[in-house]
Amino acid sequence: MVQETRVKTKKHKRKLRKWPKIVGTLLLIMIISVVGYVYSIYGHAKETVDKKMSKNIESIDTSEVKEKLDSNELLNILLLGVDERAEDGGRSDSIMVLSLNPKQEKTTIVSIPRDTLAKIAGKGIETKINHAYAYGGVDMSVATVENLLDIDLDYYVELNMEGLADLIDAIGGVTVNNELEWVDEGFYKPGYHWKEGEIKLDGAKALGYVRMRHLDPQGDFGRTERQRKVINAIIDKGKSMGTVTKLNDVIDVLGDNLQTNMSFNDMKSLLLGYMDVTKNIESYMLQGENAKIKGVYYYEIPDKELEKVHDMLLGVDTADTAALSDSTVDDTK
């Protein structure tokens, strides 16, 4: 009986000794799988960005930008949403400047209404600012916005608005707080009831949400506010761990619909060195007055307003610029 017990004990000990080996092997397999997945995403992302998305323009000196990036200085990025519908004639449908301020741990998003009266760089004429894209593409849009706000733009991001829908689908949709109730006339689906409150948007709904203008009492101003909400929601969703598993889909969508002067290494530096700027996100739209010149509607921005927004985008912390923000999101407190 004693001998039989000893045999069982030896067998039990042998089994116990095997468990660390089995667990170790499983952990090794898991680590190799994770590393392989990350490496495949890394390689796919680098190739997509550098070969399909990255395109330098004359208006931005990339050598100066890299110095600022390496020093973690404030960066300003022009975001252009280009709607390729025939009736828009290739003009920029959405114009925003994103100011990334590492020292203040803040991102400021400033919308420029597309009807804003501005001098078109390289043309010497004053007309609606969204015409700059029709005249000379991103290059002329960058130079025109720089002249209007008296700032240097470090990067540009041009996104096809149809691609915005694909991007939102790729990250699994976004949620926004809708402040205006309306019945759709075809921006999403005729007769669709947009309710007030928190709503979930897939790609098609998001496109309808940011395109609607005529049913909004604020017109284009209401639309730009909804555009900023969607951008905020994308940034917020992009920070979640659940998005990591969808990176390949996101990369493919961006590769087909986005152009920028950022290289893959620039994006890595932004990810590693500027993550804290998403702690506080402020949104604002240029404030001006409606005007008609020779029967054509324009939106005129006073010089004082341009000076205030100039200071805001350069991180000047004054009582005036602090009062400009119309919404603040702090998701760390």
Protein backbone atom coordinates (compact mmCIF):
# COMPACT_ATOMS: atom_id res chain seq x y z
CA MET A 1 0.00 0.00 0.00
CA VAL A 2 2.85 2.35 0.95
CA GLN A 3 4.70 1.46 -2.24
CA GLU A 4 1.59 2.16 -4.35
CA THR A 5 1.22 5.58 -2.66
CA ARG A 6 4.87 6.42 -3.47
CA VAL A 7 4.34 5.56 -7.15
CA LYS A 8 1.30 7.84 -7.32
CA THR A 9 3.23 10.64 -5.61
CA LYS A 10 6.07 10.36 -8.14
CA LYS A 11 3.62 10.49 -11.05
CA HIS A 12 1.92 13.53 -9.48
CA LYS A 13 5.28 15.32 -9.10
CA ARG A 14 6.15 14.58 -12.74
CA LYS A 15 2.83 16.11 -13.81
CA LEU A 16 3.47 19.20 -11.67
CA ARG A 17 6.91 19.61 -13.25
CA LYS A 18 5.32 19.53 -16.71
CA TRP A 19 2.88 22.39 -16.01
CA PRO A 20 5.50 25.20 -15.98
CA LYS A 21 6.79 23.94 -19.33
CA ILE A 22 3.28 23.84 -20.82
CA VAL A 23 2.40 27.31 -19.49
CA GLY A 24 5.75 28.68 -20.66
CA THR A 25 5.22 27.24 -24.13
CA LEU A 26 1.71 28.73 -24.35
CA LEU A 27 3.00 32.14 -23.22
CA LEU A 28 5.79 31.99 -25.80
CA ILE A 29 3.29 31.16 -28.56
CA MET A 30 1.07 34.06 -27.44
CA ILE A 31 3.99 36.49 -27.37
CA ILE A 32 5.17 35.42 -30.82
CA SER A 33 1.62 35.80 -32.15
CA VAL A 34 1.23 39.31 -30.67
CA VAL A 35 4.66 40.41 -31.92
CA GLY A 36 3.87 39.02 -35.36
CA TYR A 37 0.53 40.84 -35.44
CA VAL A 38 2.10 44.14 -34.34
CA TYR A 39 4.90 43.76 -36.86
CA SER A 40 2.43 43.07 -39.68
CA ILE A 41 0.41 46.18 -38.74
CA TYR A 42 3.61 48.25 -38.47
CA GLY A 43 4.84 47.15 -41.89
CA HIS A 44 1.44 47.63 -43.50
CA ALA A 45 1.05 51.09 -41.94
CA LYS A 46 4.53 52.25 -42.96
CA GLU A 47 4.08 51.15 -46.56
CA THR A 48 0.59 52.69 -46.81
CA VAL A 49 1.60 56.05 -45.33
CA ASP A 50 4.89 56.52 -47.17
CA LYS A 51 3.78 55.16 -50.55
CA LYS A 52 0.08 56.09 -50.78
CA MET A 53 -0.69 58.93 -48.36
CA SER A 54 2.42 61.08 -47.97
CA LYS A 55 2.76 64.03 -50.35
CA ASN A 56 4.81 67.17 -49.69
CA ILE A 57 3.71 70.60 -50.89
CA GLU A 58 5.65 73.81 -51.58
CA SER A 59 3.79 75.88 -48.96
CA ILE A 60 5.22 73.87 -46.04
CA ASP A 61 8.95 73.54 -45.31
CA THR A 62 9.20 70.00 -43.93
CA SER A 63 12.73 70.50 -42.55
CA GLU A 64 11.53 73.24 -40.18
CA VAL A 65 8.55 71.14 -39.15
CA LYS A 66 10.75 68.18 -38.19
CA GLU A 67 12.79 70.42 -35.87
CA LYS A 68 9.59 71.52 -34.10
CA LEU A 69 8.39 67.92 -33.91
CA ASP A 70 11.68 66.73 -32.38
CA SER A 71 11.52 69.57 -29.81
CA ASN A 72 7.88 68.88 -28.90
CA GLU A 73 6.83 72.37 -29.89
CA LEU A 74 3.29 73.51 -30.69
CA LEU A 75 2.11 72.30 -34.11
CA ASN A 76 -0.71 73.58 -36.33
CA ILE A 77 -2.40 71.21 -38.78
CA LEU A 78 -4.82 72.15 -41.56
CA LEU A 79 -7.66 69.67 -41.93
CA LEU A 80 -9.51 69.81 -45.25
CA GLY A 81 -12.63 67.78 -45.88
CA VAL A 82 -13.09 67.65 -49.65
CA ASP A 83 -16.51 66.68 -50.94
CA GLU A 84 -16.17 65.27 -54.45
CA ARG A 85 -19.85 65.53 -55.30
CA ALA A 86 -20.27 67.09 -58.74
CA GLU A 87 -22.23 70.11 -57.49
CA ASP A 88 -19.38 71.12 -55.15
CA GLY A 89 -16.87 71.45 -57.98
CA GLY A 90 -13.97 70.08 -55.95
CA ARG A 91 -14.03 72.80 -53.30
CA SER A 92 -13.11 72.14 -49.68
CA ASP A 93 -16.34 71.45 -47.81
CA SER A 94 -14.76 71.58 -44.35
CA ILE A 95 -11.80 73.73 -43.24
CA MET A 96 -10.34 73.36 -39.75
CA VAL A 97 -7.07 74.14 -38.01
CA LEU A 98 -5.95 71.77 -35.27
CA SER A 99 -3.46 73.24 -32.80
CA LEU A 100 -1.53 70.60 -30.82
CA ASN A 101 -0.07 72.18 -27.67
CA PRO A 102 2.05 69.74 -25.58
CA LYS A 103 2.97 72.33 -22.93
CA GLN A 104 -0.67 73.12 -22.18
CA GLU A 105 -1.74 69.50 -22.85
CA LYS A 106 -4.48 70.78 -25.13
CA THR A 107 -5.85 70.46 -28.65
CA THR A 108 -7.70 73.43 -30.14
CA ILE A 109 -9.95 72.87 -33.16
CA VAL A 110 -10.88 76.05 -35.05
CA SER A 111 -13.44 75.88 -37.86
CA ILE A 112 -13.26 78.35 -40.74
CA PRO A 113 -16.65 78.78 -42.47
CA ARG A 114 -16.31 77.99 -46.16
CA ASP A 115 -17.90 81.34 -47.16
CA THR A 116 -15.26 83.34 -45.25
CA LEU A 117 -14.00 86.29 -47.27
CA ALA A 118 -10.24 85.89 -47.76
CA LYS A 119 -7.48 86.91 -50.12
CA ILE A 120 -6.55 83.85 -52.17
CA ALA A 121 -2.77 83.35 -52.01
CA GLY A 122 -1.13 83.45 -55.42
CA LYS A 123 -4.26 84.89 -57.05
CA GLY A 124 -4.48 88.30 -55.42
CA ILE A 125 -8.27 88.21 -55.38
CA GLU A 126 -10.71 88.26 -52.47
CA THR A 127 -13.40 85.60 -52.52
CA LYS A 128 -14.76 82.69 -50.50
CA ILE A 129 -11.93 80.80 -48.80
CA ASN A 130 -13.07 77.40 -50.04
CA HIS A 131 -12.39 78.58 -53.62
CA ALA A 132 -8.65 78.35 -52.84
CA TYR A 133 -8.84 74.58 -53.21
CA ALA A 134 -10.55 74.87 -56.60
CA TYR A 135 -7.88 77.32 -57.80
CA GLY A 136 -4.79 75.54 -56.56
CA GLY A 137 -5.53 72.49 -54.45
CA VAL A 138 -4.06 71.91 -51.00
CA ASP A 139 -1.01 74.11 -51.67
CA MET A 140 -3.11 77.21 -52.26
CA SER A 141 -5.47 76.35 -49.39
CA VAL A 142 -2.54 76.13 -46.96
CA ALA A 143 -1.06 79.45 -48.09
CA THR A 144 -4.47 81.17 -47.95
CA VAL A 145 -5.23 79.99 -44.39
CA GLU A 146 -1.72 80.99 -43.27
CA ASN A 147 -2.28 84.50 -44.65
CA LEU A 148 -5.74 84.81 -43.10
CA LEU A 149 -4.71 83.77 -39.57
CA ASP A 150 -1.07 84.93 -39.73
CA ILE A 151 0.26 81.53 -38.62
CA ASP A 152 2.56 78.85 -39.98
CA LEU A 153 0.91 75.54 -40.76
CA ASP A 154 3.12 72.54 -40.10
CA TYR A 155 1.04 69.78 -41.61
CA TYR A 156 -2.03 69.35 -43.75
CA VAL A 157 -4.49 66.46 -43.85
CA GLU A 158 -6.86 66.22 -46.82
CA LEU A 159 -9.71 63.76 -46.37
CA ASN A 160 -12.29 62.82 -48.96
CA MET A 161 -15.65 63.22 -47.18
CA GLU A 162 -16.86 59.90 -48.58
CA GLY A 163 -13.79 58.39 -46.92
CA LEU A 164 -14.96 59.84 -43.60
CA ALA A 165 -17.88 57.42 -43.71
CA ASP A 166 -15.54 54.47 -44.36
CA LEU A 167 -13.25 55.58 -41.51
CA ILE A 168 -16.10 55.73 -39.01
CA ASP A 169 -17.31 52.29 -40.10
CA ALA A 170 -13.76 50.96 -39.70
CA ILE A 171 -13.58 52.07 -36.04
CA GLY A 172 -17.02 50.71 -35.26
CA GLY A 173 -19.01 53.94 -35.28
CA VAL A 174 -18.97 57.00 -33.01
CA THR A 175 -21.34 58.56 -30.49
CA VAL A 176 -22.22 62.27 -30.37
CA ASN A 177 -24.64 64.47 -28.44
CA ASN A 178 -27.11 65.83 -30.99
CA GLU A 179 -28.57 69.21 -29.98
CA LEU A 180 -30.88 69.72 -32.97
CA GLU A 181 -33.93 67.64 -33.84
CA TRP A 182 -34.86 67.46 -37.52
CA VAL A 183 -36.45 65.25 -40.17
CA ASP A 184 -34.02 64.32 -42.93
CA GLU A 185 -34.60 65.48 -46.51
CA GLY A 186 -32.06 63.18 -48.10
CA PHE A 187 -28.71 63.89 -46.42
CA TYR A 188 -28.98 60.41 -44.89
CA LYS A 189 -32.46 59.00 -45.63
CA PRO A 190 -35.57 61.01 -46.55
CA GLY A 191 -37.91 61.11 -43.57
CA TYR A 192 -35.32 59.88 -41.05
CA HIS A 193 -35.94 61.42 -37.61
CA TRP A 194 -32.79 62.85 -36.02
CA LYS A 195 -33.59 62.95 -32.31
CA GLU A 196 -32.02 65.16 -29.66
CA GLY A 197 -29.58 63.55 -27.25
CA GLU A 198 -26.89 60.92 -27.54
CA ILE A 199 -26.90 59.18 -30.92
CA LYS A 200 -24.72 56.46 -32.44
CA LEU A 201 -23.44 57.16 -35.93
CA ASP A 202 -22.22 54.66 -38.50
CA GLY A 203 -20.44 55.99 -41.59
CA ALA A 204 -23.54 56.80 -43.65
CA LYS A 205 -25.29 58.50 -40.73
CA ALA A 206 -22.16 60.52 -39.89
CA LEU A 207 -21.97 61.81 -43.45
CA GLY A 208 -25.62 62.87 -43.35
CA TYR A 209 -25.09 64.42 -39.93
CA VAL A 210 -22.20 66.65 -41.02
CA ARG A 211 -23.61 67.55 -44.46
CA MET A 212 -26.98 68.94 -43.39
CA ARG A 213 -27.12 72.74 -43.50
CA HIS A 214 -30.42 74.16 -44.78
CA LEU A 215 -32.56 72.66 -42.00
CA ASP A 216 -30.27 74.11 -39.32
CA PRO A 217 -31.29 77.57 -38.00
CA GLN A 218 -27.55 78.35 -37.78
CA GLY A 219 -26.92 77.24 -41.37
CA ASP A 220 -23.26 76.57 -42.11
CA PHE A 221 -22.31 77.49 -38.54
CA GLY A 222 -24.43 74.66 -37.16
CA ARG A 223 -22.90 72.30 -39.67
CA THR A 224 -19.32 73.21 -38.70
CA GLU A 225 -20.23 72.62 -35.05
CA ARG A 226 -21.46 69.13 -35.92
CA GLN A 227 -18.27 68.51 -37.91
CA ARG A 228 -16.18 69.38 -34.85
CA LYS A 229 -18.29 67.03 -32.73
CA VAL A 230 -17.61 64.15 -35.11
CA ILE A 231 -13.86 64.93 -35.15
CA ASN A 232 -13.85 64.94 -31.33
CA ALA A 233 -15.72 61.61 -31.32
CA ILE A 234 -13.20 60.06 -33.74
CA ILE A 235 -10.29 61.22 -31.56
CA ASP A 236 -12.01 59.82 -28.46
CA LYS A 237 -12.75 56.49 -30.16
CA GLY A 238 -9.21 56.28 -31.51
CA LYS A 239 -7.81 56.31 -27.95
CA SER A 240 -9.77 53.20 -26.93
CA MET A 241 -8.08 49.80 -26.83
CA GLY A 242 -10.90 48.30 -28.88
CA THR A 243 -9.73 50.26 -31.91
CA VAL A 244 -6.30 48.56 -31.89
CA THR A 245 -7.70 45.35 -33.39
CA LYS A 246 -9.21 47.38 -36.25
CA LEU A 247 -6.00 49.20 -37.19
CA ASN A 248 -5.47 47.37 -40.47
CA ASP A 249 -8.96 48.33 -41.64
CA VAL A 250 -8.39 51.94 -40.58
CA ILE A 251 -5.05 52.05 -42.41
CA ASP A 252 -6.62 50.72 -45.61
CA VAL A 253 -9.41 53.32 -45.47
CA LEU A 254 -7.00 56.18 -44.87
CA GLY A 255 -4.69 54.96 -47.62
CA ASP A 256 -7.54 55.24 -50.14
CA ASN A 257 -8.99 58.55 -48.94
CA LEU A 258 -6.35 60.68 -47.25
CA GLN A 259 -3.32 62.72 -48.27
CA THR A 260 -0.89 64.43 -45.93
CA ASN A 261 2.67 65.73 -45.78
CA MET A 262 3.29 63.56 -42.70
CA SER A 263 5.66 60.65 -43.11
CA PHE A 264 5.20 57.44 -41.14
CA ASN A 265 8.03 58.52 -38.81
CA ASP A 266 6.26 61.85 -38.23
CA MET A 267 3.11 60.00 -37.22
CA LYS A 268 5.11 57.83 -34.81
CA SER A 269 6.63 60.93 -33.22
CA LEU A 270 3.19 62.52 -32.86
CA LEU A 271 1.81 59.36 -31.27
CA LEU A 272 4.67 59.07 -28.78
CA GLY A 273 5.32 62.75 -28.01
CA TYR A 274 1.93 64.43 -28.34
CA MET A 275 -0.47 61.97 -26.70
CA ASP A 276 -1.18 64.35 -23.80
CA VAL A 277 -2.70 66.96 -26.12
CA THR A 278 -5.89 64.88 -26.23
CA LYS A 279 -6.48 65.43 -22.49
CA ASN A 280 -8.28 68.70 -23.22
CA ILE A 281 -10.02 69.42 -26.52
CA GLU A 282 -11.42 72.88 -27.23
CA SER A 283 -13.60 73.69 -30.24
CA TYR A 284 -14.30 77.08 -31.77
CA MET A 285 -15.52 78.71 -34.98
CA LEU A 286 -14.40 82.03 -36.43
CA GLN A 287 -16.96 84.72 -35.56
CA GLY A 288 -17.85 87.31 -38.19
CA GLU A 289 -20.68 89.10 -39.97
CA ASN A 290 -22.83 88.29 -42.98
CA ALA A 291 -22.13 90.53 -45.97
CA LYS A 292 -23.13 90.84 -49.62
CA ILE A 293 -20.68 92.06 -52.22
CA LYS A 294 -22.06 92.55 -55.73
CA GLY A 295 -25.00 90.34 -54.78
CA VAL A 296 -22.81 87.46 -53.53
CA TYR A 297 -22.95 86.27 -49.90
CA TYR A 298 -19.73 86.29 -47.87
CA TYR A 299 -18.77 85.91 -44.23
CA GLU A 300 -16.48 88.75 -43.10
CA ILE A 301 -14.15 88.27 -40.13
CA PRO A 302 -13.13 91.43 -38.18
CA ASP A 303 -9.40 92.00 -37.65
CA LYS A 304 -9.82 91.82 -33.86
CA GLU A 305 -11.36 88.33 -34.19
CA LEU A 306 -8.50 87.20 -36.44
CA GLU A 307 -6.00 88.43 -33.84
CA LYS A 308 -7.78 86.51 -31.06
CA VAL A 309 -7.82 83.27 -33.05
CA HIS A 310 -4.18 83.82 -34.03
CA ASP A 311 -3.29 83.96 -30.31
CA MET A 312 -5.45 80.93 -29.55
CA LEU A 313 -3.70 78.80 -32.17
CA LEU A 314 -0.26 79.90 -30.94
CA GLY A 315 -1.09 79.01 -27.34
CA VAL A 316 -1.19 82.56 -25.98
CA ASP A 317 -2.95 82.21 -22.62
CA THR A 318 -5.02 85.36 -22.10
CA ALA A 319 -8.49 86.05 -20.70
CA ASP A 320 -9.71 86.98 -24.18
CA THR A 321 -8.61 83.76 -25.84
CA ALA A 322 -9.85 81.64 -22.94
CA ALA A 323 -13.31 83.11 -23.39
CA LEU A 324 -13.39 82.08 -27.04
CA SER A 325 -13.88 78.37 -26.47
CA ASP A 326 -17.45 77.23 -27.05
CA SER A 327 -16.94 73.70 -25.71
CA THR A 328 -14.29 71.91 -23.73
CA VAL A 329 -13.82 68.19 -23.30
CA ASP A 330 -11.58 66.96 -20.49
CA ASP A 331 -11.71 63.20 -20.32
CA THR A 332 -8.99 62.77 -17.72
CA LYS A 333 -10.75 64.36 -14.75
